[in-house]
């Protein structure tokens, strides 16, 4: 059995001095959301063992913050150029390659690919706003066997719900 966490990068900004979409950084809200999410994810079983992320600045900042909060370093955090604005098929391929050897892996990437892939994995037509995390249980022994339609959505964590629960 494997557990896959799909995370959309945290809220990004649109600074006037940044022209390229790839280079957009996290906004103040995006940076504020991540510690709360990391605290929740630190309690997840099985624990996240590897994070594979898009190298776009907003996804990189998200993944690096989450990795630090979860105590992951070195080869436990990988960036793959193919994840930038990837479609569902590419997300699956990268996860199958990059998550090998772990029980619980996380992919930090972008919509609409993540939402499409989540639907293909387990039939969940869930919206993934920025910084949302969906956990999918997959009945397989090896990431190379990652397919479609056999996953089960375990939970969905959305920052706005965390804020509401705190209030």
N, C-alpha and C. Protein backbone atom coordinates (compact mmCIF):
# COMPACT_ATOMS: atom_id res chain seq x y z
N UNK A 1 0.84 -1.17 0.00
CA UNK A 1 0.00 0.00 0.00
C UNK A 1 0.89 1.24 0.00
N UNK A 2 0.54 2.22 -0.80
CA UNK A 2 1.25 3.49 -0.88
C UNK A 2 0.29 4.63 -0.57
N UNK A 3 0.84 5.73 -0.08
CA UNK A 3 0.06 6.94 0.14
C UNK A 3 0.69 8.06 -0.67
N UNK A 4 -0.13 8.74 -1.45
CA UNK A 4 0.31 9.85 -2.29
C UNK A 4 -0.39 11.12 -1.84
N UNK A 5 0.40 12.13 -1.56
CA UNK A 5 -0.15 13.44 -1.22
C UNK A 5 0.06 14.36 -2.41
N UNK A 6 -1.02 14.94 -2.88
CA UNK A 6 -0.98 15.90 -3.98
C UNK A 6 -1.18 17.28 -3.38
N UNK A 7 -0.22 18.15 -3.59
CA UNK A 7 -0.31 19.50 -3.03
C UNK A 7 -0.16 20.53 -4.14
N UNK A 8 -1.09 21.43 -4.17
CA UNK A 8 -0.96 22.57 -5.07
C UNK A 8 -0.11 23.61 -4.35
N UNK A 9 0.78 24.26 -5.07
CA UNK A 9 1.63 25.28 -4.47
C UNK A 9 0.79 26.29 -3.71
N UNK A 10 1.40 26.94 -2.72
CA UNK A 10 0.70 27.95 -1.94
C UNK A 10 0.43 29.19 -2.80
N UNK A 11 -0.38 30.07 -2.26
CA UNK A 11 -0.80 31.28 -2.96
C UNK A 11 0.42 32.09 -3.41
N UNK A 12 0.42 32.45 -4.68
CA UNK A 12 1.54 33.22 -5.23
C UNK A 12 1.14 34.65 -5.48
N UNK A 13 2.15 35.48 -5.63
CA UNK A 13 1.92 36.88 -5.90
C UNK A 13 2.21 37.22 -7.35
N UNK A 14 1.93 38.44 -7.70
CA UNK A 14 2.17 38.95 -9.05
C UNK A 14 2.97 40.25 -8.95
N UNK A 15 4.21 40.18 -8.46
CA UNK A 15 4.99 41.41 -8.32
C UNK A 15 5.22 42.07 -9.68
N UNK A 16 5.19 43.38 -9.73
CA UNK A 16 5.35 44.08 -11.01
C UNK A 16 6.71 43.86 -11.67
N UNK A 17 7.71 43.50 -10.88
CA UNK A 17 9.05 43.29 -11.43
C UNK A 17 9.29 41.86 -11.92
N UNK A 18 8.27 40.99 -11.82
CA UNK A 18 8.40 39.60 -12.27
C UNK A 18 7.50 39.41 -13.49
N UNK A 19 8.13 39.20 -14.64
CA UNK A 19 7.37 39.09 -15.89
C UNK A 19 7.00 37.66 -16.24
N UNK A 20 7.81 36.71 -15.85
CA UNK A 20 7.61 35.32 -16.26
C UNK A 20 6.81 34.55 -15.20
N UNK A 21 5.80 33.81 -15.62
CA UNK A 21 4.97 33.01 -14.72
C UNK A 21 5.82 32.08 -13.86
N UNK A 22 6.83 31.48 -14.43
CA UNK A 22 7.70 30.53 -13.72
C UNK A 22 8.34 31.17 -12.49
N UNK A 23 8.60 32.46 -12.54
CA UNK A 23 9.34 33.15 -11.49
C UNK A 23 8.48 33.80 -10.41
N UNK A 24 7.16 33.58 -10.46
CA UNK A 24 6.29 34.21 -9.47
C UNK A 24 6.52 33.61 -8.07
N UNK A 25 6.78 34.44 -7.07
CA UNK A 25 7.01 33.95 -5.71
C UNK A 25 5.71 33.79 -4.92
N UNK A 26 5.82 33.24 -3.74
CA UNK A 26 4.67 33.14 -2.85
C UNK A 26 4.28 34.52 -2.36
N UNK A 27 3.00 34.68 -2.13
CA UNK A 27 2.49 35.92 -1.54
C UNK A 27 2.63 35.81 -0.01
N UNK A 28 2.32 36.90 0.66
CA UNK A 28 2.34 36.89 2.12
C UNK A 28 1.36 35.83 2.65
N UNK A 29 0.17 35.74 2.05
CA UNK A 29 -0.81 34.73 2.47
C UNK A 29 -0.28 33.32 2.25
N UNK A 30 0.40 33.12 1.11
CA UNK A 30 0.96 31.81 0.83
C UNK A 30 1.97 31.39 1.88
N UNK A 31 2.83 32.30 2.27
CA UNK A 31 3.83 32.00 3.30
C UNK A 31 3.18 31.78 4.66
N UNK A 32 2.09 32.48 4.92
CA UNK A 32 1.38 32.36 6.18
C UNK A 32 0.67 31.00 6.30
N UNK A 33 0.16 30.48 5.19
CA UNK A 33 -0.59 29.22 5.21
C UNK A 33 0.29 28.00 5.48
N UNK A 34 1.52 28.02 5.03
CA UNK A 34 2.36 26.82 5.05
C UNK A 34 2.68 26.26 6.44
N UNK A 35 3.02 27.07 7.44
CA UNK A 35 3.30 26.47 8.76
C UNK A 35 2.11 25.71 9.35
N UNK A 36 0.91 26.23 9.15
CA UNK A 36 -0.28 25.54 9.66
C UNK A 36 -0.46 24.19 8.96
N UNK A 37 -0.26 24.19 7.64
CA UNK A 37 -0.39 22.94 6.89
C UNK A 37 0.68 21.95 7.31
N UNK A 38 1.91 22.42 7.46
CA UNK A 38 3.01 21.54 7.86
C UNK A 38 2.74 20.90 9.22
N UNK A 39 2.17 21.68 10.12
CA UNK A 39 1.84 21.14 11.44
C UNK A 39 0.85 19.99 11.32
N UNK A 40 -0.14 20.15 10.47
CA UNK A 40 -1.11 19.07 10.24
C UNK A 40 -0.44 17.86 9.59
N UNK A 41 0.39 18.11 8.59
CA UNK A 41 1.03 17.00 7.87
C UNK A 41 2.04 16.26 8.73
N UNK A 42 2.63 16.94 9.72
CA UNK A 42 3.58 16.28 10.60
C UNK A 42 2.91 15.17 11.42
N UNK A 43 1.60 15.25 11.57
CA UNK A 43 0.86 14.24 12.34
C UNK A 43 0.32 13.11 11.47
N UNK A 44 0.54 13.19 10.14
CA UNK A 44 -0.01 12.20 9.22
C UNK A 44 0.78 10.89 9.30
N UNK A 45 0.06 9.80 9.23
CA UNK A 45 0.66 8.46 9.15
C UNK A 45 0.21 7.81 7.86
N UNK A 46 1.09 7.21 7.09
CA UNK A 46 2.53 7.21 7.30
C UNK A 46 3.12 8.58 7.02
N UNK A 47 4.30 8.87 7.60
CA UNK A 47 4.90 10.20 7.39
C UNK A 47 5.40 10.36 5.96
N UNK A 48 5.40 11.61 5.50
CA UNK A 48 5.92 11.92 4.17
C UNK A 48 7.42 11.63 4.18
N UNK A 49 7.87 10.84 3.21
CA UNK A 49 9.29 10.47 3.12
C UNK A 49 10.03 11.20 2.01
N UNK A 50 9.30 11.65 0.99
CA UNK A 50 9.94 12.35 -0.12
C UNK A 50 8.95 13.33 -0.72
N UNK A 51 9.47 14.49 -1.10
CA UNK A 51 8.67 15.50 -1.80
C UNK A 51 9.30 15.71 -3.16
N UNK A 52 8.47 15.60 -4.18
CA UNK A 52 8.88 15.86 -5.56
C UNK A 52 8.09 17.07 -6.03
N UNK A 53 8.79 18.10 -6.52
CA UNK A 53 8.10 19.35 -6.82
C UNK A 53 8.51 19.96 -8.14
N UNK A 54 7.61 20.78 -8.63
CA UNK A 54 7.90 21.64 -9.77
C UNK A 54 8.98 22.63 -9.34
N UNK A 55 9.89 22.99 -10.25
CA UNK A 55 10.92 23.97 -9.90
C UNK A 55 10.46 25.43 -10.01
N UNK A 56 9.22 25.68 -10.44
CA UNK A 56 8.73 27.05 -10.49
C UNK A 56 8.89 27.67 -9.10
N UNK A 57 9.20 28.94 -9.03
CA UNK A 57 9.53 29.58 -7.76
C UNK A 57 8.46 29.34 -6.70
N UNK A 58 7.18 29.51 -7.03
CA UNK A 58 6.12 29.34 -6.04
C UNK A 58 6.02 27.90 -5.54
N UNK A 59 6.23 26.92 -6.43
CA UNK A 59 6.20 25.51 -6.01
C UNK A 59 7.47 25.16 -5.24
N UNK A 60 8.61 25.69 -5.67
CA UNK A 60 9.88 25.45 -4.97
C UNK A 60 9.81 25.98 -3.54
N UNK A 61 9.31 27.20 -3.37
CA UNK A 61 9.19 27.78 -2.03
C UNK A 61 8.24 26.95 -1.17
N UNK A 62 7.15 26.49 -1.76
CA UNK A 62 6.20 25.65 -1.03
C UNK A 62 6.87 24.35 -0.58
N UNK A 63 7.52 23.67 -1.51
CA UNK A 63 8.15 22.39 -1.21
C UNK A 63 9.28 22.53 -0.20
N UNK A 64 10.09 23.56 -0.34
CA UNK A 64 11.20 23.76 0.60
C UNK A 64 10.70 24.05 2.01
N UNK A 65 9.64 24.84 2.12
CA UNK A 65 9.06 25.14 3.43
C UNK A 65 8.48 23.88 4.05
N UNK A 66 7.76 23.11 3.27
CA UNK A 66 7.16 21.88 3.79
C UNK A 66 8.24 20.87 4.18
N UNK A 67 9.27 20.73 3.35
CA UNK A 67 10.35 19.78 3.65
C UNK A 67 11.05 20.16 4.96
N UNK A 68 11.35 21.43 5.13
CA UNK A 68 12.01 21.87 6.37
C UNK A 68 11.13 21.58 7.58
N UNK A 69 9.86 21.88 7.48
CA UNK A 69 8.93 21.67 8.60
C UNK A 69 8.75 20.18 8.91
N UNK A 70 8.89 19.34 7.90
CA UNK A 70 8.72 17.89 8.09
C UNK A 70 10.03 17.18 8.36
N UNK A 71 11.13 17.93 8.43
CA UNK A 71 12.43 17.33 8.72
C UNK A 71 13.02 16.56 7.56
N UNK A 72 12.66 16.93 6.34
CA UNK A 72 13.19 16.25 5.16
C UNK A 72 14.30 17.08 4.54
N UNK A 73 15.37 16.41 4.11
CA UNK A 73 16.50 17.12 3.50
C UNK A 73 17.16 16.22 2.47
N UNK A 74 18.11 16.80 1.75
CA UNK A 74 18.90 16.04 0.77
C UNK A 74 18.03 15.39 -0.28
N UNK A 75 18.21 14.08 -0.49
CA UNK A 75 17.47 13.39 -1.55
C UNK A 75 15.97 13.23 -1.27
N UNK A 76 15.53 13.64 -0.09
CA UNK A 76 14.10 13.57 0.23
C UNK A 76 13.33 14.71 -0.41
N UNK A 77 14.03 15.67 -1.00
CA UNK A 77 13.39 16.79 -1.70
C UNK A 77 14.00 16.87 -3.10
N UNK A 78 13.15 16.61 -4.11
CA UNK A 78 13.64 16.64 -5.49
C UNK A 78 12.76 17.56 -6.33
N UNK A 79 13.40 18.20 -7.29
CA UNK A 79 12.69 19.08 -8.22
C UNK A 79 12.82 18.48 -9.61
N UNK A 80 11.73 18.51 -10.35
CA UNK A 80 11.72 17.93 -11.68
C UNK A 80 11.07 18.92 -12.64
N UNK A 81 11.82 19.33 -13.66
CA UNK A 81 11.34 20.32 -14.63
C UNK A 81 10.03 19.90 -15.29
N UNK A 82 9.79 18.61 -15.41
CA UNK A 82 8.58 18.14 -16.09
C UNK A 82 7.31 18.47 -15.32
N UNK A 83 7.42 18.81 -14.04
CA UNK A 83 6.24 19.09 -13.23
C UNK A 83 5.69 20.50 -13.40
N UNK A 84 6.44 21.38 -14.05
CA UNK A 84 5.94 22.74 -14.26
C UNK A 84 4.77 22.70 -15.23
N UNK A 85 3.57 23.05 -14.73
CA UNK A 85 2.32 23.06 -15.50
C UNK A 85 2.04 21.72 -16.17
N UNK A 86 2.42 20.63 -15.51
CA UNK A 86 2.28 19.27 -16.07
C UNK A 86 0.83 18.82 -16.14
N UNK A 87 0.55 17.98 -17.14
CA UNK A 87 -0.75 17.34 -17.23
C UNK A 87 -0.75 16.08 -16.36
N UNK A 88 -1.90 15.44 -16.26
CA UNK A 88 -2.05 14.27 -15.39
C UNK A 88 -1.10 13.13 -15.76
N UNK A 89 -0.94 12.87 -17.04
CA UNK A 89 -0.06 11.78 -17.48
C UNK A 89 1.39 12.03 -17.08
N UNK A 90 1.83 13.26 -17.20
CA UNK A 90 3.20 13.60 -16.82
C UNK A 90 3.38 13.53 -15.31
N UNK A 91 2.40 14.01 -14.56
CA UNK A 91 2.46 13.92 -13.10
C UNK A 91 2.60 12.46 -12.68
N UNK A 92 1.82 11.58 -13.28
CA UNK A 92 1.89 10.16 -12.95
C UNK A 92 3.27 9.59 -13.25
N UNK A 93 3.79 9.91 -14.42
CA UNK A 93 5.09 9.39 -14.84
C UNK A 93 6.21 9.84 -13.88
N UNK A 94 6.21 11.11 -13.55
CA UNK A 94 7.24 11.64 -12.65
C UNK A 94 7.12 11.00 -11.26
N UNK A 95 5.91 10.89 -10.75
CA UNK A 95 5.72 10.26 -9.43
C UNK A 95 6.19 8.82 -9.44
N UNK A 96 5.87 8.08 -10.48
CA UNK A 96 6.28 6.68 -10.57
C UNK A 96 7.80 6.56 -10.55
N UNK A 97 8.49 7.49 -11.16
CA UNK A 97 9.96 7.48 -11.19
C UNK A 97 10.57 8.00 -9.91
N UNK A 98 10.10 9.14 -9.44
CA UNK A 98 10.78 9.87 -8.37
C UNK A 98 10.41 9.43 -6.95
N UNK A 99 9.29 8.72 -6.77
CA UNK A 99 8.87 8.30 -5.44
C UNK A 99 9.26 6.87 -5.13
N UNK A 100 9.97 6.24 -6.03
CA UNK A 100 10.40 4.85 -5.83
C UNK A 100 11.13 4.71 -4.49
N UNK A 101 10.77 3.67 -3.76
CA UNK A 101 11.45 3.36 -2.51
C UNK A 101 10.83 3.97 -1.26
N UNK A 102 9.74 4.72 -1.40
CA UNK A 102 9.08 5.30 -0.22
C UNK A 102 7.64 4.80 -0.12
N UNK A 103 7.10 4.83 1.08
CA UNK A 103 5.71 4.44 1.28
C UNK A 103 4.75 5.60 1.10
N UNK A 104 5.24 6.80 1.49
CA UNK A 104 4.40 8.00 1.40
C UNK A 104 5.19 9.10 0.73
N UNK A 105 4.69 9.55 -0.42
CA UNK A 105 5.35 10.61 -1.16
C UNK A 105 4.40 11.75 -1.44
N UNK A 106 4.98 12.94 -1.64
CA UNK A 106 4.19 14.12 -1.94
C UNK A 106 4.65 14.71 -3.26
N UNK A 107 3.69 15.16 -4.07
CA UNK A 107 3.98 15.88 -5.30
C UNK A 107 3.42 17.29 -5.15
N UNK A 108 4.29 18.29 -5.33
CA UNK A 108 3.89 19.70 -5.25
C UNK A 108 3.93 20.25 -6.67
N UNK A 109 2.77 20.64 -7.19
CA UNK A 109 2.71 21.07 -8.58
C UNK A 109 1.59 22.09 -8.77
N UNK A 110 0.98 22.07 -9.96
CA UNK A 110 0.07 23.13 -10.40
C UNK A 110 -1.26 22.56 -10.91
N UNK A 111 -2.28 23.42 -10.89
CA UNK A 111 -3.54 23.11 -11.57
C UNK A 111 -3.44 23.58 -13.01
N UNK A 112 -4.22 23.04 -13.90
CA UNK A 112 -5.30 22.07 -13.69
C UNK A 112 -4.82 20.61 -13.63
N UNK A 113 -3.55 20.38 -13.88
CA UNK A 113 -3.03 19.01 -13.90
C UNK A 113 -3.30 18.23 -12.63
N UNK A 114 -3.09 18.86 -11.46
CA UNK A 114 -3.31 18.14 -10.20
C UNK A 114 -4.76 17.72 -10.01
N UNK A 115 -5.69 18.61 -10.29
CA UNK A 115 -7.11 18.26 -10.14
C UNK A 115 -7.50 17.14 -11.09
N UNK A 116 -7.00 17.20 -12.31
CA UNK A 116 -7.29 16.16 -13.30
C UNK A 116 -6.71 14.83 -12.84
N UNK A 117 -5.49 14.85 -12.35
CA UNK A 117 -4.85 13.61 -11.90
C UNK A 117 -5.58 13.03 -10.70
N UNK A 118 -6.00 13.87 -9.76
CA UNK A 118 -6.76 13.40 -8.61
C UNK A 118 -8.04 12.70 -9.06
N UNK A 119 -8.73 13.29 -10.01
CA UNK A 119 -9.95 12.67 -10.54
C UNK A 119 -9.65 11.33 -11.19
N UNK A 120 -8.56 11.25 -11.92
CA UNK A 120 -8.20 9.99 -12.57
C UNK A 120 -7.77 8.92 -11.57
N UNK A 121 -7.09 9.34 -10.51
CA UNK A 121 -6.62 8.38 -9.51
C UNK A 121 -7.75 7.74 -8.73
N UNK A 122 -8.73 8.57 -8.34
CA UNK A 122 -9.74 8.01 -7.43
C UNK A 122 -11.16 8.47 -7.72
N UNK A 123 -11.37 9.18 -8.81
CA UNK A 123 -12.71 9.61 -9.16
C UNK A 123 -13.21 10.81 -8.37
N UNK A 124 -12.33 11.42 -7.56
CA UNK A 124 -12.74 12.56 -6.76
C UNK A 124 -12.68 13.83 -7.61
N UNK A 125 -13.81 14.46 -7.81
CA UNK A 125 -13.87 15.71 -8.56
C UNK A 125 -13.71 16.85 -7.57
N UNK A 126 -12.56 16.90 -6.92
CA UNK A 126 -12.31 17.88 -5.87
C UNK A 126 -11.58 19.09 -6.44
N UNK A 127 -11.92 20.25 -5.91
CA UNK A 127 -11.22 21.48 -6.27
C UNK A 127 -10.02 21.60 -5.34
N UNK A 128 -8.85 21.90 -5.90
CA UNK A 128 -7.65 22.09 -5.10
C UNK A 128 -7.23 23.55 -5.16
N UNK A 129 -7.70 24.35 -4.20
CA UNK A 129 -7.25 25.74 -4.17
C UNK A 129 -5.77 25.78 -3.78
N UNK A 130 -5.16 26.94 -3.84
CA UNK A 130 -3.75 27.03 -3.50
C UNK A 130 -3.50 26.49 -2.10
N UNK A 131 -2.40 25.73 -1.98
CA UNK A 131 -1.93 25.10 -0.75
C UNK A 131 -2.79 23.94 -0.26
N UNK A 132 -3.77 23.52 -1.04
CA UNK A 132 -4.57 22.36 -0.65
C UNK A 132 -3.74 21.09 -0.79
N UNK A 133 -4.04 20.11 0.07
CA UNK A 133 -3.36 18.82 0.03
C UNK A 133 -4.42 17.73 0.03
N UNK A 134 -4.31 16.82 -0.95
CA UNK A 134 -5.21 15.66 -1.01
C UNK A 134 -4.37 14.41 -0.79
N UNK A 135 -4.85 13.53 0.07
CA UNK A 135 -4.16 12.27 0.33
C UNK A 135 -4.92 11.13 -0.34
N UNK A 136 -4.19 10.33 -1.10
CA UNK A 136 -4.79 9.21 -1.83
C UNK A 136 -4.08 7.92 -1.42
N UNK A 137 -4.86 6.93 -1.03
CA UNK A 137 -4.32 5.61 -0.73
C UNK A 137 -4.35 4.78 -2.01
N UNK A 138 -3.22 4.16 -2.30
CA UNK A 138 -3.09 3.39 -3.54
C UNK A 138 -2.74 1.93 -3.23
N UNK A 139 -3.56 0.98 -3.70
CA UNK A 139 -3.32 -0.43 -3.40
C UNK A 139 -2.25 -1.02 -4.33
N UNK A 140 -1.00 -0.71 -4.04
CA UNK A 140 0.10 -1.21 -4.87
C UNK A 140 1.34 -1.33 -4.01
N UNK A 141 2.26 -2.15 -4.45
CA UNK A 141 3.50 -2.35 -3.71
C UNK A 141 4.63 -1.52 -4.28
N UNK A 142 4.50 -1.10 -5.53
CA UNK A 142 5.58 -0.42 -6.22
C UNK A 142 5.04 0.78 -6.98
N UNK A 143 5.74 1.92 -6.93
CA UNK A 143 5.28 3.13 -7.62
C UNK A 143 5.22 2.94 -9.13
N UNK A 144 5.97 2.01 -9.66
CA UNK A 144 5.92 1.75 -11.10
C UNK A 144 4.54 1.24 -11.52
N UNK A 145 3.76 0.73 -10.56
CA UNK A 145 2.42 0.22 -10.84
C UNK A 145 1.35 1.29 -10.72
N UNK A 146 1.76 2.53 -10.54
CA UNK A 146 0.81 3.64 -10.37
C UNK A 146 -0.08 3.75 -11.60
N UNK A 147 -1.37 3.55 -11.38
CA UNK A 147 -2.33 3.59 -12.48
C UNK A 147 -3.43 4.59 -12.20
N UNK A 148 -4.56 4.36 -12.77
CA UNK A 148 -5.70 5.25 -12.61
C UNK A 148 -6.90 4.47 -12.12
N UNK A 149 -7.73 5.13 -11.34
CA UNK A 149 -9.00 4.55 -10.93
C UNK A 149 -8.98 3.62 -9.76
N UNK A 150 -7.80 3.31 -9.21
CA UNK A 150 -7.77 2.35 -8.11
C UNK A 150 -7.44 3.00 -6.77
N UNK A 151 -7.31 4.32 -6.74
CA UNK A 151 -6.99 5.01 -5.50
C UNK A 151 -8.24 5.34 -4.69
N UNK A 152 -8.01 5.68 -3.44
CA UNK A 152 -9.10 6.05 -2.53
C UNK A 152 -8.71 7.35 -1.85
N UNK A 153 -9.54 8.38 -2.00
CA UNK A 153 -9.28 9.66 -1.34
C UNK A 153 -9.43 9.47 0.16
N UNK A 154 -8.36 9.74 0.90
CA UNK A 154 -8.39 9.61 2.36
C UNK A 154 -8.86 10.90 3.03
N UNK A 155 -8.32 12.00 2.58
CA UNK A 155 -8.69 13.30 3.15
C UNK A 155 -8.23 14.42 2.22
N UNK A 156 -8.81 15.59 2.47
CA UNK A 156 -8.48 16.80 1.72
C UNK A 156 -8.32 17.92 2.74
N UNK A 157 -7.16 18.56 2.72
CA UNK A 157 -6.86 19.64 3.65
C UNK A 157 -6.80 20.95 2.87
N UNK A 158 -7.61 21.91 3.27
CA UNK A 158 -7.70 23.19 2.59
C UNK A 158 -7.40 24.29 3.60
N UNK A 159 -6.47 25.21 3.27
CA UNK A 159 -6.09 26.26 4.22
C UNK A 159 -7.25 27.06 4.81
N UNK A 160 -8.24 27.38 3.99
CA UNK A 160 -9.38 28.18 4.51
C UNK A 160 -10.11 27.43 5.63
N UNK A 161 -10.17 26.10 5.54
CA UNK A 161 -10.81 25.34 6.60
C UNK A 161 -9.99 25.39 7.89
N UNK A 162 -8.67 25.39 7.75
CA UNK A 162 -7.81 25.53 8.93
C UNK A 162 -8.02 26.88 9.60
N UNK A 163 -8.11 27.93 8.78
CA UNK A 163 -8.34 29.26 9.33
C UNK A 163 -9.68 29.30 10.05
N UNK A 164 -10.72 28.72 9.45
CA UNK A 164 -12.05 28.73 10.06
C UNK A 164 -12.05 27.96 11.38
N UNK A 165 -11.32 26.84 11.43
CA UNK A 165 -11.27 26.04 12.64
C UNK A 165 -10.55 26.78 13.77
N UNK A 166 -9.60 27.62 13.41
CA UNK A 166 -8.87 28.39 14.42
C UNK A 166 -9.71 29.53 14.98
N UNK A 167 -10.63 30.04 14.17
CA UNK A 167 -11.45 31.18 14.59
C UNK A 167 -12.57 30.77 15.48
